[in-house]
Amino acid sequence: MMKLTRRHLLSAMSAVGIASVLPGCAPMHSRQPHVPGRKDSIGVALVGLGYYATELLAPALQLTKHCHLAGIATGSPGKIPAWQQRHGIPDRNIYSYDDFDRIADNPAIDAVYIVTPNDLHKPLTLRAAAAGKHVWCEKPMAMNAVEAEAMVDACRRNKVQLTIGYRLQHDPLTRRLIAMARERPYGSLLKLRADAGFHAYDDVDPANKPWRLLPQHGGGAMFDMGVYALNAARYASGREPIAVSARQEIRRPHLFQGVDETMRFTLEFADGLVAECTTSFGENLNLLRADCERGWYELSPFQTYDGLKGRTSDGILLAGNGTAPYQQALQMDNDALALLRGTAPLVPGEEGVRDMRVVDAVHASARAGGLRIVL
């Protein structure tokens, strides 16, 4: 096996440095008007108008070539005027969660992007699929694997696509690392490290917690940030774990009741490879590292919205491209192209199901004090 050379570096840099020639990626300066009903562009309705939809997805939809913002659905009617003023969304393309099923009669909307608290992912996906709309769903896909499988079944039954919002799997630098799992430029993998987290919520009123700290909404570090570490361990290894063990830590019990603050989990793979993973709302963590027979490589940060950076044991530096919302624009353009071309999406619902099965096992192991659970 050859080690990474300058040729490999130039190839990787080319992949991440020339965004405008990548399939489905618009140059970051381009902007397109809202054109309902275009047959060459997927009309998208954002469902849930929180920070991610407002500050990243909506701006990203101004940069895409193959999809556009066509509508919104929200449980907060007070947000609607600002969205209409900013994005020119007509009244007929605005929905509440109560009348969401009316979307079936709107040809201007081809796909819905669900960006709500986690407990709403399944019911809204089932309603969108029944309405004949394709579904793009944020991670984590659902509250558990049973819900995730029901979502896949509903979309398959209604002949609509279901994709999961794993933006990193669309990023060229991450795609390069996924390829390295196959190419093995430093020989076989010996161990993996995947850590994702941030310190937050110190100033939260315990009587008025955000939904990410509430168990009924799918709160906790494992659901929110742990999926990044888990998914990274899977794509960096190119294989599926066969067993998991986990332990949770809570340092602020007045905030973390029924949800995890920090989760440390170990993934075992069939060939003896082990991935040590940590996720947290109490620690700043952002590392993906692969140790191999003849060297190592890592991305740090590996899961930020922009500025992904990597290095290798040979001293080669790899840098990502673009600023936020570059990843989101690339992700949505790729998903839109799959619909326009009638091809399979890069990250189908089944990918989310695989993660949810492991998330279920992580939580079960933690509840059992670190019991090893075979998947």
Protein backbone atom coordinates (compact mmCIF):
# COMPACT_ATOMS: atom_id res chain seq x y z
CA MET A 1 0.00 0.00 0.00
CA MET A 2 1.28 3.47 -0.87
CA LYS A 3 1.32 6.21 1.70
CA LEU A 4 -0.32 9.53 0.93
CA THR A 5 1.76 11.43 -1.59
CA ARG A 6 1.64 14.93 -2.98
CA ARG A 7 -0.52 13.49 -5.73
CA HIS A 8 -3.00 12.22 -3.13
CA LEU A 9 -2.89 15.61 -1.43
CA LEU A 10 -3.52 17.50 -4.63
CA SER A 11 -6.38 15.17 -5.44
CA ALA A 12 -7.93 15.73 -2.03
CA MET A 13 -7.38 19.47 -2.20
CA SER A 14 -8.91 19.58 -5.65
CA ALA A 15 -11.94 17.71 -4.34
CA VAL A 16 -12.49 20.15 -1.53
CA GLY A 17 -11.25 23.31 -3.17
CA ILE A 18 -13.28 23.67 -6.36
CA ALA A 19 -16.83 23.54 -5.06
CA SER A 20 -18.42 25.00 -8.16
CA VAL A 21 -17.55 22.01 -10.34
CA LEU A 22 -18.82 19.38 -7.92
CA PRO A 23 -22.12 17.78 -8.96
CA GLY A 24 -24.96 19.58 -7.31
CA CYS A 25 -22.97 22.36 -5.68
CA ALA A 26 -23.57 25.98 -6.55
CA PRO A 27 -20.87 28.62 -6.17
CA MET A 28 -21.26 30.33 -2.83
CA HIS A 29 -21.95 33.74 -4.38
CA SER A 30 -24.85 32.58 -6.57
CA ARG A 31 -28.44 33.36 -5.64
CA GLN A 32 -31.65 32.18 -7.23
CA PRO A 33 -35.18 33.52 -7.01
CA HIS A 34 -38.10 31.61 -5.58
CA VAL A 35 -39.82 29.98 -8.58
CA PRO A 36 -42.70 27.69 -7.51
CA GLY A 37 -43.49 24.73 -9.71
CA ARG A 38 -40.21 24.65 -11.61
CA LYS A 39 -39.70 21.22 -13.11
CA ASP A 40 -35.92 21.55 -13.05
CA SER A 41 -35.84 22.45 -9.35
CA ILE A 42 -37.21 20.70 -6.27
CA GLY A 43 -39.59 22.84 -4.22
CA VAL A 44 -38.75 22.40 -0.54
CA ALA A 45 -40.86 23.20 2.49
CA LEU A 46 -38.95 23.65 5.74
CA VAL A 47 -40.85 22.07 8.63
CA GLY A 48 -39.80 23.63 11.92
CA LEU A 49 -38.38 27.16 11.97
CA GLY A 50 -35.76 27.06 14.69
CA TYR A 51 -32.14 28.17 14.50
CA TYR A 52 -30.96 25.53 12.03
CA ALA A 53 -33.73 26.18 9.53
CA THR A 54 -33.53 29.96 9.93
CA GLU A 55 -29.78 30.55 9.96
CA LEU A 56 -28.46 27.69 7.84
CA LEU A 57 -31.02 25.85 5.71
CA ALA A 58 -32.93 28.88 4.45
CA PRO A 59 -29.72 30.73 3.48
CA ALA A 60 -28.37 27.53 1.91
CA LEU A 61 -31.46 27.28 -0.27
CA GLN A 62 -30.48 30.65 -1.77
CA LEU A 63 -27.24 29.04 -2.96
CA THR A 64 -28.53 25.82 -4.45
CA LYS A 65 -28.92 25.05 -8.14
CA HIS A 66 -31.40 22.21 -8.01
CA CYS A 67 -33.85 23.09 -5.22
CA HIS A 68 -35.50 26.18 -3.79
CA LEU A 69 -37.45 27.29 -0.74
CA ALA A 70 -41.12 26.86 -1.63
CA GLY A 71 -42.93 26.75 1.71
CA ILE A 72 -42.80 26.46 5.48
CA ALA A 73 -44.62 24.62 8.25
CA THR A 74 -44.45 25.74 11.86
CA GLY A 75 -46.11 25.41 15.22
CA SER A 76 -45.23 29.04 15.99
CA PRO A 77 -47.45 31.34 13.91
CA GLY A 78 -45.63 34.39 15.24
CA LYS A 79 -42.62 33.44 13.09
CA ILE A 80 -44.53 33.50 9.83
CA PRO A 81 -44.49 37.26 9.02
CA ALA A 82 -40.71 37.49 9.25
CA TRP A 83 -40.29 34.47 7.00
CA GLN A 84 -42.71 35.84 4.44
CA GLN A 85 -41.01 39.22 4.44
CA ARG A 86 -37.54 37.71 4.12
CA HIS A 87 -38.28 34.93 1.63
CA GLY A 88 -41.47 35.96 -0.17
CA ILE A 89 -43.38 32.80 0.68
CA PRO A 90 -47.03 33.00 -0.44
CA ASP A 91 -49.86 32.30 1.99
CA ARG A 92 -50.88 29.17 0.10
CA ASN A 93 -47.49 27.56 0.88
CA ILE A 94 -47.63 28.09 4.65
CA TYR A 95 -48.82 25.36 7.00
CA SER A 96 -49.28 24.70 10.69
CA TYR A 97 -48.79 21.28 12.19
CA ASP A 98 -52.58 21.01 12.47
CA ASP A 99 -53.25 21.48 8.76
CA PHE A 100 -49.98 19.99 7.51
CA ASP A 101 -51.80 17.24 5.58
CA ARG A 102 -53.12 19.86 3.13
CA ILE A 103 -49.65 19.87 1.63
CA ALA A 104 -50.79 16.90 -0.48
CA ASP A 105 -52.72 19.34 -2.68
CA ASN A 106 -49.79 21.69 -3.31
CA PRO A 107 -47.78 20.88 -6.48
CA ALA A 108 -45.29 23.65 -5.69
CA ILE A 109 -43.86 21.55 -2.86
CA ASP A 110 -41.99 18.40 -3.83
CA ALA A 111 -40.10 17.65 -0.61
CA VAL A 112 -40.32 18.58 3.05
CA TYR A 113 -37.25 19.04 5.22
CA ILE A 114 -38.15 18.13 8.82
CA VAL A 115 -36.12 20.22 11.29
CA THR A 116 -38.21 19.82 14.43
CA PRO A 117 -37.53 18.35 17.88
CA ASN A 118 -36.73 14.66 17.54
CA ASP A 119 -40.06 13.32 18.79
CA LEU A 120 -41.84 14.93 15.83
CA HIS A 121 -39.66 13.32 13.15
CA LYS A 122 -41.67 10.12 12.86
CA PRO A 123 -45.21 11.54 12.89
CA LEU A 124 -44.37 14.31 10.44
CA THR A 125 -42.52 11.90 8.15
CA LEU A 126 -45.50 9.57 8.08
CA ARG A 127 -47.85 12.45 7.28
CA ALA A 128 -45.57 13.82 4.56
CA ALA A 129 -45.18 10.39 2.97
CA ALA A 130 -48.95 9.88 3.02
CA ALA A 131 -49.26 13.26 1.27
CA GLY A 132 -46.92 12.04 -1.47
CA LYS A 133 -44.03 14.33 -0.55
CA HIS A 134 -40.40 13.29 -0.42
CA VAL A 135 -38.85 13.60 3.02
CA TRP A 136 -35.52 15.05 4.10
CA CYS A 137 -35.20 14.50 7.84
CA GLU A 138 -32.64 15.91 10.24
CA LYS A 139 -30.57 13.66 12.47
CA PRO A 140 -31.11 11.87 14.74
CA MET A 141 -33.63 10.21 12.50
CA ALA A 142 -36.06 9.24 15.24
CA MET A 143 -36.46 8.45 18.92
CA ASN A 144 -35.47 4.81 18.39
CA ALA A 145 -34.90 2.19 15.72
CA VAL A 146 -38.52 1.02 15.70
CA GLU A 147 -39.66 4.52 14.78
CA ALA A 148 -36.91 4.82 12.17
CA GLU A 149 -37.94 1.56 10.51
CA ALA A 150 -41.56 2.73 10.44
CA MET A 151 -40.44 5.89 8.65
CA VAL A 152 -38.56 3.90 6.01
CA ASP A 153 -41.54 1.60 5.52
CA ALA A 154 -43.98 4.50 5.15
CA CYS A 155 -41.85 6.25 2.54
CA ARG A 156 -41.29 3.04 0.62
CA ARG A 157 -45.01 2.25 0.71
CA ASN A 158 -45.88 5.72 -0.61
CA LYS A 159 -43.09 5.64 -3.21
CA VAL A 160 -41.27 8.74 -1.92
CA GLN A 161 -37.61 9.14 -1.07
CA LEU A 162 -36.41 9.46 2.50
CA THR A 163 -32.99 10.98 3.14
CA ILE A 164 -31.30 11.86 6.43
CA GLY A 165 -29.53 15.17 7.01
CA TYR A 166 -26.01 13.86 7.49
CA ARG A 167 -24.43 16.95 5.95
CA LEU A 168 -20.90 15.68 6.60
CA GLN A 169 -21.34 12.72 4.28
CA HIS A 170 -21.73 15.24 1.46
CA ASP A 171 -18.63 17.25 2.37
CA PRO A 172 -15.68 16.55 0.03
CA LEU A 173 -13.10 16.25 2.82
CA THR A 174 -15.28 13.71 4.62
CA ARG A 175 -15.82 11.92 1.32
CA ARG A 176 -12.03 11.70 0.99
CA LEU A 177 -11.76 10.12 4.44
CA ILE A 178 -14.51 7.64 3.54
CA ALA A 179 -12.48 6.67 0.48
CA MET A 180 -9.40 6.18 2.64
CA ALA A 181 -11.27 3.53 4.61
CA ARG A 182 -11.35 1.53 1.35
CA GLU A 183 -7.92 2.49 0.01
CA ARG A 184 -6.04 1.99 3.30
CA PRO A 185 -3.06 4.23 2.42
CA TYR A 186 -1.49 3.49 5.83
CA GLY A 187 -2.44 -0.17 5.99
CA SER A 188 -5.15 -1.72 8.12
CA LEU A 189 -7.00 0.28 10.73
CA LEU A 190 -5.94 -0.50 14.28
CA LYS A 191 -8.20 1.82 16.27
CA LEU A 192 -10.51 4.79 15.85
CA ARG A 193 -11.33 7.80 17.99
CA ALA A 194 -14.47 9.87 17.41
CA ASP A 195 -15.42 12.69 19.79
CA ALA A 196 -18.16 15.28 19.29
CA GLY A 197 -19.45 17.72 21.88
CA PHE A 198 -19.54 21.22 23.28
CA HIS A 199 -19.92 22.85 26.68
CA ALA A 200 -23.27 24.60 26.97
CA TYR A 201 -26.40 25.27 28.99
CA ASP A 202 -24.74 26.73 32.10
CA ASP A 203 -27.14 29.67 32.03
CA VAL A 204 -30.30 27.62 31.51
CA ASP A 205 -33.18 28.02 33.94
CA PRO A 206 -33.92 24.50 35.23
CA ALA A 207 -37.61 25.38 35.21
CA ASN A 208 -37.51 26.40 31.54
CA LYS A 209 -35.19 24.00 29.78
CA PRO A 210 -34.67 23.93 26.00
CA TRP A 211 -36.05 20.85 24.30
CA ARG A 212 -32.59 19.29 23.88
CA LEU A 213 -32.53 18.76 27.66
CA LEU A 214 -35.98 17.14 27.83
CA PRO A 215 -36.31 13.34 27.53
CA GLN A 216 -39.78 13.46 25.98
CA HIS A 217 -38.36 15.34 22.98
CA GLY A 218 -35.31 13.12 22.52
CA GLY A 219 -32.87 15.31 24.41
CA GLY A 220 -29.38 14.53 25.61
CA ALA A 221 -25.88 14.53 24.19
CA MET A 222 -26.09 11.10 22.55
CA PHE A 223 -29.07 12.02 20.39
CA ASP A 224 -27.75 15.46 19.45
CA MET A 225 -23.96 15.16 19.16
CA GLY A 226 -23.35 11.47 19.70
CA VAL A 227 -24.80 10.62 16.31
CA TYR A 228 -21.92 12.58 14.74
CA ALA A 229 -19.35 10.44 16.55
CA LEU A 230 -21.21 7.21 15.86
CA ASN A 231 -21.77 7.94 12.19
CA ALA A 232 -18.14 9.02 11.82
CA ALA A 233 -16.88 5.77 13.35
CA ARG A 234 -18.99 3.85 10.86
CA TYR A 235 -17.96 5.80 7.76
CA ALA A 236 -14.30 6.08 8.81
CA SER A 237 -14.09 2.32 9.25
CA GLY A 238 -16.33 1.38 6.33
CA ARG A 239 -17.97 -1.33 8.41
CA GLU A 240 -20.72 -1.95 10.95
CA PRO A 241 -20.19 -2.48 14.69
CA ILE A 242 -21.10 -5.85 16.19
CA ALA A 243 -21.19 -4.83 19.89
CA VAL A 244 -21.32 -1.73 22.04
CA SER A 245 -20.75 -0.74 25.65
CA ALA A 246 -21.42 2.68 27.16
CA ARG A 247 -21.35 4.76 30.32
CA GLN A 248 -22.95 8.14 30.91
CA GLU A 249 -21.74 10.94 33.17
CA ILE A 250 -23.79 13.75 34.66
CA ARG A 251 -22.02 16.63 36.39
CA ARG A 252 -24.99 19.03 36.42
CA PRO A 253 -27.90 16.95 37.74
CA HIS A 254 -30.09 20.02 38.14
CA LEU A 255 -30.13 20.28 34.33
CA PHE A 256 -29.70 16.71 33.14
CA GLN A 257 -32.61 14.68 34.42
CA GLY A 258 -33.53 11.69 32.29
CA VAL A 259 -31.02 12.67 29.61
CA ASP A 260 -27.25 12.23 29.33
CA GLU A 261 -24.76 15.07 29.70
CA THR A 262 -21.75 13.02 28.58
CA MET A 263 -21.75 9.57 26.99
CA ARG A 264 -18.63 7.47 26.49
CA PHE A 265 -19.17 4.45 24.28
CA THR A 266 -17.06 1.77 22.66
CA LEU A 267 -17.89 0.18 19.33
CA GLU A 268 -16.48 -3.25 18.49
CA PHE A 269 -16.11 -4.49 14.91
CA ALA A 270 -15.84 -8.04 13.58
CA ASP A 271 -12.13 -7.87 12.73
CA GLY A 272 -11.12 -6.67 16.19
CA LEU A 273 -11.15 -2.96 15.39
CA VAL A 274 -12.38 -0.81 18.28
CA ALA A 275 -13.72 2.75 18.11
CA GLU A 276 -13.63 4.78 21.32
CA CYS A 277 -16.22 7.54 21.19
CA THR A 278 -17.30 10.39 23.45
CA THR A 279 -20.11 12.87 23.15
CA SER A 280 -20.96 15.64 25.56
CA PHE A 281 -22.85 18.81 26.43
CA GLY A 282 -20.17 19.48 29.03
CA GLU A 283 -16.92 19.17 27.04
CA ASN A 284 -15.65 20.74 23.83
CA LEU A 285 -14.84 17.77 21.57
CA ASN A 286 -14.24 17.64 17.83
CA LEU A 287 -11.87 14.90 16.70
CA LEU A 288 -11.95 11.96 14.30
CA ARG A 289 -8.71 9.97 14.23
CA ALA A 290 -7.66 6.71 12.59
CA ASP A 291 -4.55 4.88 13.78
CA CYS A 292 -3.24 2.40 11.24
CA GLU A 293 -0.39 -0.06 10.73
CA ARG A 294 1.93 2.47 9.10
CA GLY A 295 0.70 5.85 10.31
CA TRP A 296 -2.38 7.83 11.18
CA TYR A 297 -4.71 10.52 9.92
CA GLU A 298 -7.27 12.73 11.59
CA LEU A 299 -9.81 15.47 11.10
CA SER A 300 -10.03 18.14 13.77
CA PRO A 301 -12.48 19.73 13.61
CA PHE A 302 -14.43 17.02 11.81
CA GLN A 303 -18.05 18.08 12.35
CA THR A 304 -18.23 21.88 12.29
CA TYR A 305 -20.38 23.71 9.74
CA ASP A 306 -17.24 24.92 7.98
CA GLY A 307 -13.47 24.83 8.20
CA LEU A 308 -12.91 21.09 8.48
CA LYS A 309 -9.19 20.41 8.82
CA GLY A 310 -7.09 17.27 8.65
CA ARG A 311 -3.51 16.11 8.95
CA THR A 312 -1.58 12.89 8.58
CA SER A 313 1.45 11.26 10.15
CA ASP A 314 3.39 12.29 7.01
CA GLY A 315 2.80 15.94 7.81
CA ILE A 316 0.29 16.44 5.03
CA LEU A 317 -2.39 19.00 5.79
CA LEU A 318 -5.89 18.72 4.39
CA ALA A 319 -8.29 21.65 4.47
CA GLY A 320 -12.00 21.77 3.79
CA ASN A 321 -13.75 24.28 1.58
CA GLY A 322 -16.42 26.88 1.99
CA THR A 323 -18.09 28.68 4.84
CA ALA A 324 -21.48 27.96 6.34
CA PRO A 325 -23.92 27.08 4.83
CA TYR A 326 -21.74 25.40 2.19
CA GLN A 327 -22.32 21.87 3.53
CA GLN A 328 -26.07 22.34 3.74
CA ALA A 329 -26.29 23.70 0.20
CA LEU A 330 -24.25 20.80 -1.14
CA GLN A 331 -26.34 18.30 0.83
CA MET A 332 -29.67 19.64 -0.41
CA ASP A 333 -28.47 19.96 -4.00
CA ASN A 334 -27.29 16.33 -3.96
CA ASP A 335 -30.61 15.18 -2.51
CA ALA A 336 -32.51 17.24 -5.07
CA LEU A 337 -30.46 15.80 -7.93
CA ALA A 338 -31.31 12.30 -6.75
CA LEU A 339 -34.99 13.17 -7.07
CA LEU A 340 -34.62 14.89 -10.44
CA ARG A 341 -32.58 12.01 -11.85
CA GLY A 342 -34.54 9.22 -10.20
CA THR A 343 -31.45 7.83 -8.49
CA ALA A 344 -30.83 6.67 -4.93
CA PRO A 345 -29.85 9.42 -2.46
CA LEU A 346 -26.38 9.45 -0.96
CA VAL A 347 -27.75 9.08 2.58
CA PRO A 348 -31.02 7.10 2.50
CA GLY A 349 -33.29 6.44 5.44
CA GLU A 350 -31.67 3.04 5.95
CA GLU A 351 -28.46 4.82 6.98
CA GLY A 352 -30.33 6.53 9.78
CA VAL A 353 -31.87 3.23 10.87
CA ARG A 354 -28.40 1.72 11.27
CA ASP A 355 -27.38 4.54 13.56
CA MET A 356 -30.58 4.37 15.59
CA ARG A 357 -30.02 0.67 16.30
CA VAL A 358 -26.65 1.53 17.81
CA VAL A 359 -28.04 4.56 19.68
CA ASP A 360 -30.63 2.26 21.25
CA ALA A 361 -27.87 -0.12 22.33
CA VAL A 362 -25.75 2.74 23.72
CA HIS A 363 -28.62 3.92 25.90
CA ALA A 364 -29.42 0.36 27.01
CA SER A 365 -25.79 -0.30 27.93
CA ALA A 366 -25.55 2.94 29.89
CA ARG A 367 -28.72 2.10 31.80
CA ALA A 368 -27.20 -1.29 32.63
CA GLY A 369 -23.96 0.22 33.93
CA GLY A 370 -21.82 -0.44 30.88
CA LEU A 371 -23.07 -3.88 29.92
CA ARG A 372 -21.69 -5.11 26.60
CA ILE A 373 -24.57 -5.42 24.15
CA VAL A 374 -24.27 -7.47 20.98
CA LEU A 375 -25.90 -5.82 18.00
